[in-house]
Amino acid sequence: MRKQTGSSRGIPAIVSALLVAPAVMLATACGAAPAQPGNTAGNPTEIRLDYATYNLSSLVLKDKGWLEDEFAKDGIKITWLFSAGSNKANEYISSNSADLASTAGAAALLARTNGVPLKTVYVYSRPEWTALVVPGNSPVSSVADLKGKKIAVTRGTDPFFFLLRSLKEAGLSQSDVEIINLQHGDGRVALQKGDVDAWSGLDPHMAAAELQDGARLLYRNIAFNTFGTLNAREEFAQKYPEILKRILAQYERARRWILENREEAAALLAREGKIDPEIAKRQITERTVLDNDVGVPGQALQAALEAVAPILISEKLVAADANPTQALATLIDSSYAQQVAQR
């Protein structure tokens, strides 16, 4: 097992800057690191990407070191950044701290609508990773019963959009409930303690709440889950298309590996997520699709996001003059993954 640590891009030392001042100053001004020994001209010196417990392929890639092996001959460094949720992944892209980051599809659309320069280039899973969760002894029996209740959720993530769509289906809106904004793991703790009445959960935390806390899934609907998407900074995708395709080829390798090694994949998730193996197994075997509508972003993802676009406006999640439909038209770029799939 290969261990990697994440860090932000370093700043050249002052001495080095003085030795090669013009080149380094120009590179720094453009937001790029100076060339490293062995690096091929025209390539980045570093690829920064996230890993997350909700993106199993990212855990496999980080553990196996396949990206490090792939780009070693080019002198390209791989830097891993942990994403606790889609909101954090979008922050990495928005702040130019990462070149690729994984989110739910709805979160990517929200970010693109709000001006974050990202492109959805790959679908890493079609999960049923979120549902509305209540304590096992809760008197709440329907979504409509949540009116006036406290609900924990991470804003800007798939559980957030799942919650909004579920409320709307039940004739409610977010103004009819009290939303408590917490990261996914903290939402589970709040539900355990009784600080909230419900939680829009995310695996593996949700599976853990079921198996360990006796929590109950109040409402499930896989159609309200908007896929797991890998998003690239638009500038990175345009500048390094061949590098991006090589990254996606390794993502495909990881996806196939998981399908062929589910037990080992569950053990990896359990180790990385610090959860019981049975919890990891439930997430992988019961609630994660890796062999249908996965890989190349296609019509299924498009349709899922078309249903989300009106909610961004109705729930005032974007500026009044924002256009989610227009953002969706420019969000998905399947060309990179399509070329990888045809090889």
Protein backbone atom coordinates (compact mmCIF):
# COMPACT_ATOMS: atom_id res chain seq x y z
CA MET A 1 0.00 0.00 0.00
CA ARG A 2 1.39 3.37 -0.99
CA LYS A 3 0.79 6.34 1.28
CA GLN A 4 0.51 9.89 -0.04
CA THR A 5 0.04 13.14 1.74
CA GLY A 6 -1.76 16.19 0.42
CA SER A 7 -0.40 19.69 0.40
CA SER A 8 -1.01 22.92 -1.45
CA ARG A 9 1.29 23.99 -4.22
CA GLY A 10 4.60 25.26 -2.87
CA ILE A 11 6.21 28.66 -3.55
CA PRO A 12 9.74 28.60 -5.01
CA ALA A 13 12.42 29.45 -2.48
CA ILE A 14 13.87 32.95 -2.58
CA VAL A 15 17.33 31.71 -3.51
CA SER A 16 16.00 29.72 -6.44
CA ALA A 17 13.95 32.70 -7.52
CA LEU A 18 17.05 34.87 -7.61
CA LEU A 19 18.95 32.30 -9.68
CA VAL A 20 16.24 32.01 -12.33
CA ALA A 21 14.31 35.17 -11.65
CA PRO A 22 12.71 35.93 -15.04
CA ALA A 23 11.39 32.42 -15.67
CA VAL A 24 10.22 31.83 -12.11
CA MET A 25 8.58 35.22 -11.77
CA LEU A 26 6.69 34.73 -15.02
CA ALA A 27 5.60 31.20 -14.00
CA THR A 28 4.49 32.38 -10.58
CA ALA A 29 2.56 35.28 -12.06
CA CYS A 30 0.71 32.85 -14.31
CA GLY A 31 -0.10 30.53 -11.38
CA ALA A 32 2.19 27.73 -12.57
CA ALA A 33 5.12 26.12 -10.79
CA PRO A 34 8.57 26.22 -12.42
CA ALA A 35 9.70 23.16 -14.35
CA GLN A 36 11.10 20.25 -12.34
CA PRO A 37 14.01 18.03 -13.42
CA GLY A 38 12.81 15.38 -15.86
CA ASN A 39 9.56 17.21 -16.59
CA THR A 40 8.50 17.17 -20.23
CA ALA A 41 8.07 20.61 -21.74
CA GLY A 42 4.44 21.70 -21.93
CA ASN A 43 3.32 19.47 -19.05
CA PRO A 44 2.29 20.63 -15.58
CA THR A 45 4.86 20.01 -12.86
CA GLU A 46 2.14 18.93 -10.45
CA ILE A 47 -1.36 17.47 -10.61
CA ARG A 48 -3.52 18.30 -7.62
CA LEU A 49 -6.63 16.20 -7.10
CA ASP A 50 -8.91 15.19 -4.28
CA TYR A 51 -9.80 11.94 -2.61
CA ALA A 52 -13.00 11.31 -0.66
CA THR A 53 -14.83 8.47 1.05
CA TYR A 54 -17.78 9.15 -1.28
CA ASN A 55 -15.50 8.59 -4.31
CA LEU A 56 -14.22 5.03 -3.97
CA SER A 57 -12.18 5.21 -7.18
CA SER A 58 -10.17 8.08 -5.73
CA LEU A 59 -9.32 5.96 -2.68
CA VAL A 60 -8.17 3.13 -4.92
CA LEU A 61 -5.98 5.44 -7.00
CA LYS A 62 -4.42 7.00 -3.92
CA ASP A 63 -3.81 3.62 -2.32
CA LYS A 64 -2.40 1.88 -5.41
CA GLY A 65 -0.22 4.78 -6.55
CA TRP A 66 -1.26 4.29 -10.17
CA LEU A 67 -1.25 8.01 -10.96
CA GLU A 68 2.20 8.39 -9.42
CA ASP A 69 3.42 5.51 -11.58
CA GLU A 70 1.74 6.89 -14.70
CA PHE A 71 3.33 10.34 -14.44
CA ALA A 72 6.69 9.50 -12.87
CA LYS A 73 8.39 9.35 -16.27
CA ASP A 74 7.13 12.87 -16.98
CA GLY A 75 8.48 14.29 -13.74
CA ILE A 76 4.96 15.26 -12.65
CA LYS A 77 4.18 15.27 -8.94
CA ILE A 78 0.81 14.00 -7.68
CA THR A 79 -0.67 15.88 -4.71
CA TRP A 80 -3.74 14.53 -2.90
CA LEU A 81 -6.25 16.76 -1.08
CA PHE A 82 -9.00 15.38 1.16
CA SER A 83 -12.59 16.43 0.39
CA ALA A 84 -15.02 16.11 3.30
CA GLY A 85 -17.92 16.93 0.97
CA SER A 86 -18.82 18.39 -2.42
CA ASN A 87 -18.71 21.89 -0.98
CA LYS A 88 -15.06 21.42 -0.02
CA ALA A 89 -14.24 19.95 -3.43
CA ASN A 90 -15.78 22.97 -5.14
CA GLU A 91 -13.79 25.27 -2.88
CA TYR A 92 -10.59 23.59 -4.08
CA ILE A 93 -11.49 24.30 -7.71
CA SER A 94 -12.74 27.82 -7.01
CA SER A 95 -9.56 28.77 -5.11
CA ASN A 96 -7.27 27.11 -7.69
CA SER A 97 -6.05 24.68 -5.03
CA ALA A 98 -6.94 21.60 -7.09
CA ASP A 99 -7.00 20.69 -10.77
CA LEU A 100 -9.61 17.95 -10.37
CA ALA A 101 -12.12 17.37 -7.60
CA SER A 102 -15.08 15.05 -7.04
CA THR A 103 -18.60 16.15 -6.22
CA ALA A 104 -22.20 15.23 -6.74
CA GLY A 105 -23.52 16.37 -10.10
CA ALA A 106 -25.90 18.89 -8.55
CA ALA A 107 -23.06 20.48 -6.60
CA ALA A 108 -21.05 20.86 -9.80
CA LEU A 109 -24.02 22.55 -11.48
CA LEU A 110 -24.45 24.93 -8.55
CA ALA A 111 -20.77 25.84 -8.68
CA ARG A 112 -20.80 26.38 -12.44
CA THR A 113 -23.92 28.55 -12.14
CA ASN A 114 -22.15 30.64 -9.51
CA GLY A 115 -19.18 31.19 -11.81
CA VAL A 116 -16.75 28.48 -10.67
CA PRO A 117 -14.73 27.56 -13.80
CA LEU A 118 -15.15 23.78 -13.73
CA LYS A 119 -16.11 21.13 -16.26
CA THR A 120 -17.66 17.75 -15.49
CA VAL A 121 -15.43 15.31 -17.37
CA TYR A 122 -16.19 11.91 -15.81
CA VAL A 123 -18.83 10.02 -13.83
CA TYR A 124 -17.17 7.90 -11.13
CA SER A 125 -20.37 6.30 -9.80
CA ARG A 126 -24.13 6.31 -9.82
CA PRO A 127 -24.81 6.07 -6.12
CA GLU A 128 -27.81 5.97 -3.88
CA TRP A 129 -25.63 7.66 -1.34
CA THR A 130 -28.18 9.93 0.31
CA ALA A 131 -31.59 9.59 1.99
CA LEU A 132 -33.53 11.29 4.74
CA VAL A 133 -32.63 9.72 8.07
CA VAL A 134 -34.41 9.85 11.44
CA PRO A 135 -33.72 8.13 14.79
CA GLY A 136 -35.13 4.64 15.04
CA ASN A 137 -37.71 5.74 17.65
CA SER A 138 -38.76 8.93 15.83
CA PRO A 139 -42.51 9.53 15.47
CA VAL A 140 -41.88 11.09 12.05
CA SER A 141 -43.36 8.78 9.42
CA SER A 142 -43.33 10.89 6.24
CA VAL A 143 -41.49 13.80 4.68
CA ALA A 144 -44.55 15.98 5.29
CA ASP A 145 -44.11 15.33 9.03
CA LEU A 146 -40.80 17.23 8.88
CA LYS A 147 -42.57 20.59 8.74
CA GLY A 148 -41.18 22.79 11.51
CA LYS A 149 -38.43 20.27 12.32
CA LYS A 150 -34.64 20.70 12.51
CA ILE A 151 -32.79 18.93 9.70
CA ALA A 152 -29.01 18.60 9.45
CA VAL A 153 -27.45 18.75 5.99
CA THR A 154 -24.33 19.98 4.23
CA ARG A 155 -25.34 22.86 1.99
CA GLY A 156 -24.27 22.68 -1.63
CA THR A 157 -24.00 18.86 -1.69
CA ASP A 158 -26.21 16.09 -3.06
CA PRO A 159 -27.88 15.50 0.33
CA PHE A 160 -28.85 19.18 0.29
CA PHE A 161 -30.48 18.93 -3.12
CA PHE A 162 -32.02 15.60 -2.17
CA LEU A 163 -33.59 17.30 0.83
CA LEU A 164 -34.96 20.19 -1.24
CA ARG A 165 -36.44 17.89 -3.87
CA SER A 166 -37.96 15.63 -1.21
CA LEU A 167 -39.53 18.60 0.56
CA LYS A 168 -40.90 19.97 -2.71
CA GLU A 169 -42.42 16.58 -3.57
CA ALA A 170 -44.17 16.66 -0.17
CA GLY A 171 -45.47 20.20 -0.74
CA LEU A 172 -42.85 21.88 1.46
CA SER A 173 -39.88 24.19 0.93
CA GLN A 174 -36.77 24.92 2.93
CA SER A 175 -38.59 27.79 4.65
CA ASP A 176 -40.92 25.20 6.22
CA VAL A 177 -38.06 23.53 8.11
CA GLU A 178 -35.01 24.65 10.06
CA ILE A 179 -31.89 23.66 8.17
CA ILE A 180 -28.78 23.11 10.29
CA ASN A 181 -25.68 23.34 8.11
CA LEU A 182 -23.19 20.65 9.21
CA GLN A 183 -20.57 18.53 7.47
CA HIS A 184 -21.79 15.02 6.76
CA GLY A 185 -20.14 13.27 9.72
CA ASP A 186 -21.25 16.02 12.09
CA GLY A 187 -24.82 15.61 10.87
CA ARG A 188 -24.80 11.99 12.00
CA VAL A 189 -23.51 13.03 15.43
CA ALA A 190 -26.22 15.68 15.73
CA LEU A 191 -28.86 13.05 14.94
CA GLN A 192 -27.34 10.70 17.54
CA LYS A 193 -27.44 13.39 20.22
CA GLY A 194 -30.98 14.46 19.41
CA ASP A 195 -29.87 17.95 18.39
CA VAL A 196 -31.82 17.59 15.14
CA ASP A 197 -34.99 15.71 14.20
CA ALA A 198 -33.68 14.44 10.87
CA TRP A 199 -30.59 14.35 8.75
CA SER A 200 -30.10 14.28 5.00
CA GLY A 201 -27.30 11.74 5.19
CA LEU A 202 -24.43 10.56 3.04
CA ASP A 203 -22.68 7.19 2.92
CA PRO A 204 -20.66 5.81 4.57
CA HIS A 205 -21.92 7.89 7.52
CA MET A 206 -25.52 7.00 6.66
CA ALA A 207 -24.84 3.26 6.57
CA ALA A 208 -23.02 3.59 9.89
CA ALA A 209 -26.02 5.36 11.41
CA GLU A 210 -28.26 2.49 10.29
CA LEU A 211 -26.06 -0.36 11.47
CA GLN A 212 -24.59 1.17 14.63
CA ASP A 213 -27.14 3.74 15.82
CA GLY A 214 -30.37 2.03 14.80
CA ALA A 215 -31.30 5.00 12.61
CA ARG A 216 -34.11 4.63 10.08
CA LEU A 217 -34.19 5.76 6.47
CA LEU A 218 -37.34 7.86 6.29
CA TYR A 219 -37.27 8.46 2.54
CA ARG A 220 -35.23 6.99 -0.30
CA ASN A 221 -35.27 7.87 -3.99
CA ILE A 222 -32.27 7.02 -6.17
CA ALA A 223 -33.61 9.31 -8.90
CA PHE A 224 -32.94 12.28 -6.61
CA ASN A 225 -29.24 11.34 -6.34
CA THR A 226 -27.29 13.20 -9.03
CA PHE A 227 -24.37 10.89 -9.73
CA GLY A 228 -20.76 11.21 -8.61
CA THR A 229 -18.87 13.50 -10.98
CA LEU A 230 -15.21 14.27 -11.42
CA ASN A 231 -14.73 17.91 -12.31
CA ALA A 232 -11.69 19.61 -13.80
CA ARG A 233 -10.66 23.24 -13.66
CA GLU A 234 -11.59 24.50 -17.10
CA GLU A 235 -8.14 26.00 -17.65
CA PHE A 236 -6.44 22.70 -16.76
CA ALA A 237 -8.65 20.71 -19.14
CA GLN A 238 -8.01 23.11 -22.01
CA LYS A 239 -4.29 23.40 -21.40
CA TYR A 240 -3.53 19.72 -20.73
CA PRO A 241 -6.08 17.58 -22.62
CA GLU A 242 -3.73 14.61 -23.05
CA ILE A 243 -2.78 14.69 -19.36
CA LEU A 244 -6.48 14.74 -18.43
CA LYS A 245 -7.19 11.72 -20.64
CA ARG A 246 -4.39 9.81 -18.96
CA ILE A 247 -5.89 10.62 -15.56
CA LEU A 248 -9.30 9.41 -16.68
CA ALA A 249 -7.76 6.21 -18.03
CA GLN A 250 -6.51 5.49 -14.51
CA TYR A 251 -9.96 6.30 -13.12
CA GLU A 252 -11.36 3.68 -15.50
CA ARG A 253 -8.74 1.25 -14.27
CA ALA A 254 -9.82 1.89 -10.68
CA ARG A 255 -13.51 1.43 -11.53
CA ARG A 256 -12.84 -1.93 -13.17
CA TRP A 257 -10.67 -2.98 -10.24
CA ILE A 258 -13.49 -2.27 -7.77
CA LEU A 259 -15.94 -4.33 -9.82
CA GLU A 260 -13.53 -7.26 -9.78
CA ASN A 261 -12.39 -6.86 -6.15
CA ARG A 262 -15.41 -5.77 -4.11
CA GLU A 263 -14.24 -7.37 -0.87
CA GLU A 264 -10.84 -5.69 -1.05
CA ALA A 265 -12.48 -2.42 -2.06
CA ALA A 266 -14.76 -2.60 0.98
CA ALA A 267 -11.74 -3.21 3.20
CA LEU A 268 -10.02 -0.16 1.70
CA LEU A 269 -13.07 2.02 2.28
CA ALA A 270 -13.35 0.76 5.84
CA ARG A 271 -9.71 1.58 6.50
CA GLU A 272 -9.75 5.03 4.87
CA GLY A 273 -13.13 5.98 6.31
CA LYS A 274 -12.33 4.45 9.71
CA ILE A 275 -15.59 2.51 9.61
CA ASP A 276 -16.69 -1.06 10.19
CA PRO A 277 -16.16 -3.35 7.17
CA GLU A 278 -19.87 -4.26 7.16
CA ILE A 279 -20.73 -0.58 6.76
CA ALA A 280 -18.35 -0.26 3.85
CA LYS A 281 -19.74 -3.41 2.28
CA ARG A 282 -23.29 -2.05 2.45
CA GLN A 283 -22.23 1.16 0.70
CA ILE A 284 -20.41 -0.66 -2.08
CA THR A 285 -22.69 -3.63 -2.71
CA GLU A 286 -26.13 -2.16 -2.02
CA ARG A 287 -25.93 1.53 -2.85
CA THR A 288 -23.23 2.14 -5.45
CA VAL A 289 -23.63 1.44 -9.18
CA LEU A 290 -20.33 1.25 -11.08
CA ASP A 291 -21.32 -0.51 -14.30
CA ASN A 292 -24.28 1.46 -15.65
CA ASP A 293 -24.33 5.13 -16.74
CA VAL A 294 -20.81 5.43 -15.29
CA GLY A 295 -17.62 6.66 -16.98
CA VAL A 296 -18.58 8.89 -19.90
CA PRO A 297 -20.99 11.66 -18.76
CA GLY A 298 -24.16 11.00 -20.73
CA GLN A 299 -27.87 11.63 -21.06
CA ALA A 300 -28.72 10.12 -17.67
CA LEU A 301 -26.56 12.73 -15.91
CA GLN A 302 -27.94 15.48 -18.14
CA ALA A 303 -31.53 14.53 -17.26
CA ALA A 304 -30.76 14.38 -13.53
CA LEU A 305 -29.29 17.89 -13.59
CA GLU A 306 -32.10 19.32 -15.71
CA ALA A 307 -34.42 18.47 -12.83
CA VAL A 308 -32.16 20.33 -10.39
CA ALA A 309 -31.79 23.57 -12.39
CA PRO A 310 -35.23 25.05 -11.51
CA ILE A 311 -34.65 24.35 -7.81
CA LEU A 312 -31.54 26.52 -7.81
CA ILE A 313 -33.76 29.44 -8.78
CA SER A 314 -36.89 28.66 -6.77
CA GLU A 315 -34.91 28.16 -3.57
CA LYS A 316 -32.79 31.27 -4.24
CA LEU A 317 -29.51 29.33 -4.21
CA VAL A 318 -28.09 31.47 -7.00
CA ALA A 319 -28.18 35.15 -7.88
CA ALA A 320 -31.43 36.47 -9.34
CA ASP A 321 -29.82 36.99 -12.74
CA ALA A 322 -28.07 33.58 -12.79
CA ASN A 323 -29.02 31.04 -15.44
CA PRO A 324 -28.62 27.40 -14.30
CA THR A 325 -29.92 26.09 -17.63
CA GLN A 326 -27.23 28.00 -19.49
CA ALA A 327 -24.63 26.82 -16.96
CA LEU A 328 -25.70 23.22 -17.55
CA ALA A 329 -25.25 23.69 -21.28
CA THR A 330 -21.56 24.45 -20.66
CA LEU A 331 -20.92 22.19 -17.66
CA ILE A 332 -20.54 18.70 -19.13
CA ASP A 333 -17.69 17.83 -21.48
CA SER A 334 -17.77 14.14 -22.30
CA SER A 335 -15.11 14.33 -25.02
CA TYR A 336 -12.16 13.40 -22.77
CA ALA A 337 -13.83 10.33 -21.25
CA GLN A 338 -15.26 9.33 -24.61
CA GLN A 339 -11.80 9.18 -26.15
CA VAL A 340 -10.54 7.11 -23.22
CA ALA A 341 -13.48 4.70 -23.55
CA GLN A 342 -12.78 4.19 -27.28
CA ARG A 343 -9.15 3.15 -26.71
